[in-house]
Protein backbone atom coordinates (compact mmCIF):
# COMPACT_ATOMS: atom_id res chain seq x y z
CA UNK A 1 0.00 0.00 0.00
CA UNK A 2 1.21 3.47 -0.85
CA UNK A 3 1.36 6.38 1.56
CA UNK A 4 -1.64 8.71 1.62
CA UNK A 5 -1.21 11.72 -0.64
CA UNK A 6 1.43 10.15 -2.86
CA UNK A 7 0.94 9.94 -6.62
CA UNK A 8 -0.30 6.72 -8.12
CA UNK A 9 2.26 4.23 -9.38
CA UNK A 10 2.58 3.68 -13.13
CA UNK A 11 0.31 0.64 -12.89
CA UNK A 12 -2.23 2.56 -10.81
CA UNK A 13 -2.20 5.43 -13.35
CA UNK A 14 -2.92 2.89 -16.06
CA UNK A 15 -5.91 1.66 -14.05
CA UNK A 16 -7.07 5.20 -13.18
CA UNK A 17 -7.05 6.40 -16.78
CA UNK A 18 -8.33 3.15 -18.28
CA UNK A 19 -11.84 4.57 -18.18
CA UNK A 20 -10.51 7.83 -19.64
CA UNK A 21 -8.82 6.25 -22.67
CA UNK A 22 -11.39 7.44 -25.13
CA UNK A 23 -10.66 11.07 -25.90
CA UNK A 24 -14.16 12.10 -24.90
CA UNK A 25 -13.80 10.55 -21.44
CA UNK A 26 -10.53 12.36 -20.77
CA UNK A 27 -12.05 15.54 -22.17
CA UNK A 28 -15.04 15.18 -19.86
CA UNK A 29 -12.84 14.84 -16.76
CA UNK A 30 -10.83 17.87 -17.85
CA UNK A 31 -13.98 19.82 -18.61
CA UNK A 32 -15.18 19.16 -15.05
CA UNK A 33 -11.94 20.66 -13.73
CA UNK A 34 -12.26 23.69 -16.00
CA UNK A 35 -15.97 24.33 -15.44
CA UNK A 36 -16.36 23.61 -11.75
CA UNK A 37 -12.89 24.12 -10.32
CA UNK A 38 -11.14 22.30 -7.57
CA UNK A 39 -13.78 22.93 -4.91
CA UNK A 40 -16.37 20.80 -6.70
CA UNK A 41 -16.97 17.53 -4.78
CA UNK A 42 -16.73 15.37 -7.91
CA UNK A 43 -13.49 17.03 -8.99
CA UNK A 44 -12.11 16.66 -5.48
CA UNK A 45 -13.04 12.97 -5.45
CA UNK A 46 -11.20 12.41 -8.73
CA UNK A 47 -8.15 14.26 -7.39
CA UNK A 48 -8.27 12.29 -4.14
CA UNK A 49 -8.51 8.99 -6.00
CA UNK A 50 -5.51 9.94 -8.08
CA UNK A 51 -3.46 10.61 -4.94
CA UNK A 52 -4.38 7.75 -2.60
CA UNK A 53 -7.31 9.57 -0.94
CA UNK A 54 -5.53 12.87 -0.14
CA UNK A 55 -5.17 15.96 -2.34
CA UNK A 56 -1.55 17.10 -1.86
CA UNK A 57 -1.06 20.59 -0.44
CA UNK A 58 1.55 23.12 -1.40
CA UNK A 59 3.85 23.02 -4.39
CA UNK A 60 3.62 19.94 -6.59
CA UNK A 61 6.93 18.75 -8.00
CA UNK A 62 6.71 17.27 -11.49
CA UNK A 63 8.80 15.25 -13.88
CA UNK A 64 8.26 17.88 -16.58
CA UNK A 65 11.48 19.37 -17.95
CA UNK A 66 11.40 23.14 -17.59
CA UNK A 67 8.31 23.02 -15.34
CA UNK A 68 9.61 21.55 -12.09
CA UNK A 69 6.71 22.52 -9.82
CA UNK A 70 3.18 23.88 -9.68
CA UNK A 71 1.71 25.93 -6.80
CA UNK A 72 -0.97 23.29 -6.08
CA UNK A 73 -2.43 20.06 -7.40
CA UNK A 74 -5.31 21.82 -9.15
CA UNK A 75 -2.90 23.88 -11.25
CA UNK A 76 -0.96 20.73 -12.08
CA UNK A 77 -4.14 18.88 -13.10
CA UNK A 78 -5.28 21.78 -15.24
CA UNK A 79 -1.87 21.91 -16.95
CA UNK A 80 -2.05 18.21 -17.77
CA UNK A 81 -5.55 18.67 -19.16
CA UNK A 82 -4.64 21.61 -21.37
CA UNK A 83 -1.59 19.75 -22.71
CA UNK A 84 -3.44 16.39 -22.93
CA UNK A 85 -0.58 14.73 -21.04
CA UNK A 86 -2.62 12.67 -18.63
CA UNK A 87 0.12 10.32 -17.41
CA UNK A 88 2.64 13.00 -16.41
CA UNK A 89 3.53 12.81 -12.73
């Protein structure tokens, strides 16, 4: 079992996004983030699921070259959605 608040493993990301494989499913999840923001209960539940039941606080470090951190998880999620890079950690 992973520690609460840690990102999903590669295998867990595969499972998490399996239902989002079709472009319209991923677009729908991203649209929810864009339309309702991070305070929406459904959006929060998706973010919690992605991070072992806890939405990380503070800066989020990433594996993105040139973009080492984001101020919060919501900003990071929105970035991934706009770039359509769903598996970036």
